[in-house]
Amino acid sequence: MSAGGARGARPAAAAVGGLAVLEHLFAAVPRDRAFGDGRFAGQTLEAMITRRAGRLSRLEVADLSELSLLLPEDIAADRSGSPA
């Protein structure tokens, strides 16, 4: 992608897509006695950061803002109340 408008739109679009994925993930988690919403949220964020690090290690990053951007693909699809 070239520098400028199209690249600047990516963080906003990724944020919207990521929020939708997170809303679906959190809505689908069983709320049994072992569930802790703060613990689950923290583990989800930690897993996302780990996945982002792996994703970025395989890319040549031209824009430093990419280093702090969490994308929908950083959210593990198989989370079910336990760390991914």
N, C-alpha and C. Protein backbone atom coordinates (compact mmCIF):
# COMPACT_ATOMS: atom_id res chain seq x y z
N MET A 1 0.83 -1.18 0.00
CA MET A 1 0.00 0.00 0.00
C MET A 1 0.87 1.23 0.00
N SER A 2 0.43 2.26 -0.67
CA SER A 2 1.21 3.49 -0.70
C SER A 2 0.96 4.29 0.56
N ALA A 3 1.88 5.20 0.85
CA ALA A 3 1.71 6.06 2.01
C ALA A 3 0.56 7.01 1.76
N GLY A 4 -0.13 7.37 2.82
CA GLY A 4 -1.20 8.34 2.64
C GLY A 4 -2.54 7.82 3.07
N GLY A 5 -3.59 8.26 2.38
CA GLY A 5 -4.98 8.00 2.75
C GLY A 5 -5.35 6.55 2.98
N ALA A 6 -5.04 5.68 2.05
CA ALA A 6 -5.45 4.29 2.19
C ALA A 6 -4.79 3.64 3.41
N ARG A 7 -3.54 3.96 3.65
CA ARG A 7 -2.83 3.38 4.78
C ARG A 7 -3.39 3.93 6.09
N GLY A 8 -3.73 5.21 6.12
CA GLY A 8 -4.28 5.83 7.31
C GLY A 8 -5.62 5.26 7.71
N ALA A 9 -6.37 4.72 6.77
CA ALA A 9 -7.69 4.16 7.04
C ALA A 9 -7.58 2.77 7.68
N ARG A 10 -6.47 2.11 7.53
CA ARG A 10 -6.33 0.74 8.03
C ARG A 10 -6.53 0.61 9.53
N PRO A 11 -5.91 1.45 10.37
CA PRO A 11 -6.11 1.27 11.81
C PRO A 11 -7.57 1.36 12.22
N ALA A 12 -8.32 2.29 11.66
CA ALA A 12 -9.73 2.43 12.02
C ALA A 12 -10.53 1.20 11.59
N ALA A 13 -10.29 0.72 10.37
CA ALA A 13 -11.00 -0.46 9.89
C ALA A 13 -10.62 -1.69 10.70
N ALA A 14 -9.35 -1.81 11.03
CA ALA A 14 -8.89 -2.95 11.83
C ALA A 14 -9.50 -2.90 13.22
N ALA A 15 -9.60 -1.71 13.79
CA ALA A 15 -10.19 -1.57 15.12
C ALA A 15 -11.64 -2.00 15.12
N VAL A 16 -12.39 -1.60 14.11
CA VAL A 16 -13.81 -1.99 14.01
C VAL A 16 -13.92 -3.49 13.84
N GLY A 17 -13.13 -4.08 12.97
CA GLY A 17 -13.16 -5.52 12.76
C GLY A 17 -12.73 -6.28 14.01
N GLY A 18 -11.71 -5.77 14.67
CA GLY A 18 -11.23 -6.40 15.90
C GLY A 18 -12.25 -6.33 17.01
N LEU A 19 -12.94 -5.20 17.14
CA LEU A 19 -13.97 -5.08 18.16
C LEU A 19 -15.11 -6.06 17.92
N ALA A 20 -15.49 -6.23 16.67
CA ALA A 20 -16.57 -7.17 16.35
C ALA A 20 -16.17 -8.60 16.73
N VAL A 21 -14.93 -8.95 16.42
CA VAL A 21 -14.44 -10.30 16.75
C VAL A 21 -14.39 -10.48 18.28
N LEU A 22 -13.90 -9.46 18.99
CA LEU A 22 -13.84 -9.54 20.45
C LEU A 22 -15.24 -9.62 21.07
N GLU A 23 -16.19 -8.84 20.54
CA GLU A 23 -17.56 -8.90 21.07
C GLU A 23 -18.13 -10.30 20.90
N HIS A 24 -17.91 -10.91 19.75
CA HIS A 24 -18.40 -12.27 19.50
C HIS A 24 -17.71 -13.26 20.44
N LEU A 25 -16.39 -13.11 20.60
CA LEU A 25 -15.63 -14.00 21.47
C LEU A 25 -16.13 -13.92 22.91
N PHE A 26 -16.29 -12.71 23.43
CA PHE A 26 -16.70 -12.56 24.83
C PHE A 26 -18.15 -13.00 25.03
N ALA A 27 -19.00 -12.83 24.02
CA ALA A 27 -20.39 -13.26 24.14
C ALA A 27 -20.50 -14.78 24.13
N ALA A 28 -19.56 -15.45 23.46
CA ALA A 28 -19.63 -16.91 23.31
C ALA A 28 -19.01 -17.68 24.47
N VAL A 29 -18.29 -17.00 25.35
CA VAL A 29 -17.59 -17.70 26.44
C VAL A 29 -18.60 -18.16 27.49
N PRO A 30 -18.54 -19.43 27.86
CA PRO A 30 -19.44 -19.93 28.91
C PRO A 30 -19.14 -19.24 30.25
N ARG A 31 -20.17 -18.83 30.93
CA ARG A 31 -20.02 -18.14 32.22
C ARG A 31 -20.31 -19.12 33.37
N ASP A 32 -19.41 -20.07 33.58
CA ASP A 32 -19.61 -21.03 34.66
C ASP A 32 -18.87 -20.55 35.91
N ARG A 33 -18.78 -21.38 36.93
CA ARG A 33 -18.16 -20.99 38.20
C ARG A 33 -16.68 -20.67 38.05
N ALA A 34 -16.02 -21.27 37.08
CA ALA A 34 -14.59 -21.06 36.89
C ALA A 34 -14.27 -19.81 36.09
N PHE A 35 -15.28 -19.17 35.52
CA PHE A 35 -15.06 -18.01 34.65
C PHE A 35 -14.74 -16.77 35.48
N GLY A 36 -13.72 -16.04 35.05
CA GLY A 36 -13.38 -14.75 35.64
C GLY A 36 -13.19 -13.76 34.52
N ASP A 37 -14.10 -12.79 34.39
CA ASP A 37 -14.06 -11.91 33.22
C ASP A 37 -12.76 -11.11 33.12
N GLY A 38 -12.24 -10.63 34.24
CA GLY A 38 -10.98 -9.89 34.20
C GLY A 38 -9.81 -10.77 33.81
N ARG A 39 -9.80 -11.97 34.34
CA ARG A 39 -8.74 -12.94 34.00
C ARG A 39 -8.83 -13.31 32.53
N PHE A 40 -10.04 -13.57 32.04
CA PHE A 40 -10.22 -13.93 30.63
C PHE A 40 -9.79 -12.77 29.73
N ALA A 41 -10.17 -11.55 30.07
CA ALA A 41 -9.79 -10.39 29.27
C ALA A 41 -8.27 -10.22 29.25
N GLY A 42 -7.63 -10.37 30.40
CA GLY A 42 -6.18 -10.25 30.47
C GLY A 42 -5.47 -11.32 29.67
N GLN A 43 -5.96 -12.55 29.77
CA GLN A 43 -5.35 -13.65 29.01
C GLN A 43 -5.58 -13.47 27.51
N THR A 44 -6.74 -12.94 27.14
CA THR A 44 -7.02 -12.68 25.73
C THR A 44 -6.08 -11.62 25.19
N LEU A 45 -5.89 -10.53 25.92
CA LEU A 45 -4.98 -9.47 25.49
C LEU A 45 -3.55 -10.00 25.40
N GLU A 46 -3.11 -10.76 26.38
CA GLU A 46 -1.76 -11.31 26.35
C GLU A 46 -1.57 -12.22 25.14
N ALA A 47 -2.56 -13.06 24.84
CA ALA A 47 -2.47 -13.94 23.67
C ALA A 47 -2.44 -13.12 22.38
N MET A 48 -3.21 -12.04 22.32
CA MET A 48 -3.22 -11.18 21.13
C MET A 48 -1.85 -10.54 20.92
N ILE A 49 -1.24 -10.07 21.99
CA ILE A 49 0.07 -9.43 21.89
C ILE A 49 1.12 -10.44 21.42
N THR A 50 1.04 -11.66 21.92
CA THR A 50 1.97 -12.72 21.50
C THR A 50 1.78 -13.04 20.03
N ARG A 51 0.51 -13.15 19.58
CA ARG A 51 0.24 -13.44 18.17
C ARG A 51 0.70 -12.28 17.28
N ARG A 52 0.52 -11.03 17.75
CA ARG A 52 0.98 -9.87 16.99
C ARG A 52 2.49 -9.93 16.83
N ALA A 53 3.21 -10.27 17.90
CA ALA A 53 4.67 -10.35 17.83
C ALA A 53 5.10 -11.38 16.77
N GLY A 54 4.42 -12.52 16.75
CA GLY A 54 4.73 -13.53 15.74
C GLY A 54 4.43 -13.04 14.33
N ARG A 55 3.30 -12.35 14.18
CA ARG A 55 2.91 -11.81 12.87
C ARG A 55 3.93 -10.78 12.40
N LEU A 56 4.33 -9.87 13.29
CA LEU A 56 5.26 -8.82 12.91
C LEU A 56 6.66 -9.35 12.65
N SER A 57 7.04 -10.44 13.30
CA SER A 57 8.38 -11.00 13.08
C SER A 57 8.54 -11.54 11.67
N ARG A 58 7.43 -11.83 11.00
CA ARG A 58 7.48 -12.36 9.63
C ARG A 58 7.32 -11.27 8.58
N LEU A 59 7.15 -10.02 9.00
CA LEU A 59 6.91 -8.92 8.07
C LEU A 59 8.04 -7.91 8.10
N GLU A 60 8.13 -7.17 7.01
CA GLU A 60 8.99 -6.00 6.99
C GLU A 60 8.09 -4.82 7.29
N VAL A 61 8.24 -4.23 8.45
CA VAL A 61 7.36 -3.16 8.89
C VAL A 61 7.90 -1.82 8.42
N ALA A 62 7.14 -1.14 7.56
CA ALA A 62 7.54 0.15 7.03
C ALA A 62 7.02 1.30 7.89
N ASP A 63 5.89 1.07 8.56
CA ASP A 63 5.25 2.12 9.35
C ASP A 63 5.31 1.71 10.82
N LEU A 64 5.95 2.52 11.65
CA LEU A 64 6.11 2.17 13.06
C LEU A 64 4.79 2.04 13.80
N SER A 65 3.71 2.65 13.30
CA SER A 65 2.41 2.51 13.96
C SER A 65 1.91 1.07 13.89
N GLU A 66 2.42 0.30 12.92
CA GLU A 66 2.06 -1.11 12.81
C GLU A 66 2.47 -1.91 14.06
N LEU A 67 3.51 -1.43 14.73
CA LEU A 67 4.02 -2.15 15.89
C LEU A 67 3.06 -2.13 17.07
N SER A 68 2.14 -1.19 17.11
CA SER A 68 1.20 -1.10 18.23
C SER A 68 -0.22 -1.45 17.83
N LEU A 69 -0.42 -1.89 16.60
CA LEU A 69 -1.75 -2.19 16.10
C LEU A 69 -2.09 -3.66 16.29
N LEU A 70 -3.18 -3.92 17.01
CA LEU A 70 -3.69 -5.29 17.13
C LEU A 70 -4.76 -5.48 16.07
N LEU A 71 -4.62 -6.52 15.27
CA LEU A 71 -5.55 -6.80 14.19
C LEU A 71 -6.46 -7.97 14.55
N PRO A 72 -7.58 -8.11 13.84
CA PRO A 72 -8.48 -9.24 14.11
C PRO A 72 -7.77 -10.59 14.05
N GLU A 73 -6.78 -10.74 13.17
CA GLU A 73 -6.08 -12.03 13.08
C GLU A 73 -5.18 -12.30 14.28
N ASP A 74 -4.99 -11.30 15.15
CA ASP A 74 -4.23 -11.51 16.38
C ASP A 74 -5.10 -12.15 17.47
N ILE A 75 -6.39 -12.23 17.23
CA ILE A 75 -7.32 -12.83 18.19
C ILE A 75 -7.42 -14.31 17.88
N ALA A 76 -7.06 -15.15 18.83
CA ALA A 76 -7.12 -16.60 18.62
C ALA A 76 -8.58 -17.03 18.45
N ALA A 77 -8.85 -17.76 17.41
CA ALA A 77 -10.22 -18.19 17.11
C ALA A 77 -10.70 -19.30 18.05
N ASP A 78 -9.78 -19.99 18.71
CA ASP A 78 -10.16 -21.16 19.50
C ASP A 78 -10.25 -20.87 20.99
N ARG A 79 -10.36 -19.63 21.41
CA ARG A 79 -10.47 -19.31 22.84
C ARG A 79 -11.84 -19.71 23.37
N SER A 80 -11.84 -20.39 24.49
CA SER A 80 -13.10 -20.83 25.07
C SER A 80 -13.09 -20.71 26.59
N GLY A 81 -12.44 -19.67 27.09
CA GLY A 81 -12.37 -19.48 28.53
C GLY A 81 -11.04 -19.85 29.12
N SER A 82 -10.12 -20.32 28.28
CA SER A 82 -8.78 -20.65 28.77
C SER A 82 -7.77 -20.00 27.84
N PRO A 83 -6.54 -19.81 28.29
CA PRO A 83 -5.54 -19.17 27.46
C PRO A 83 -5.32 -19.92 26.16
N ALA A 84 -5.10 -19.17 25.09
CA ALA A 84 -4.85 -19.79 23.78
C ALA A 84 -3.39 -20.14 23.62
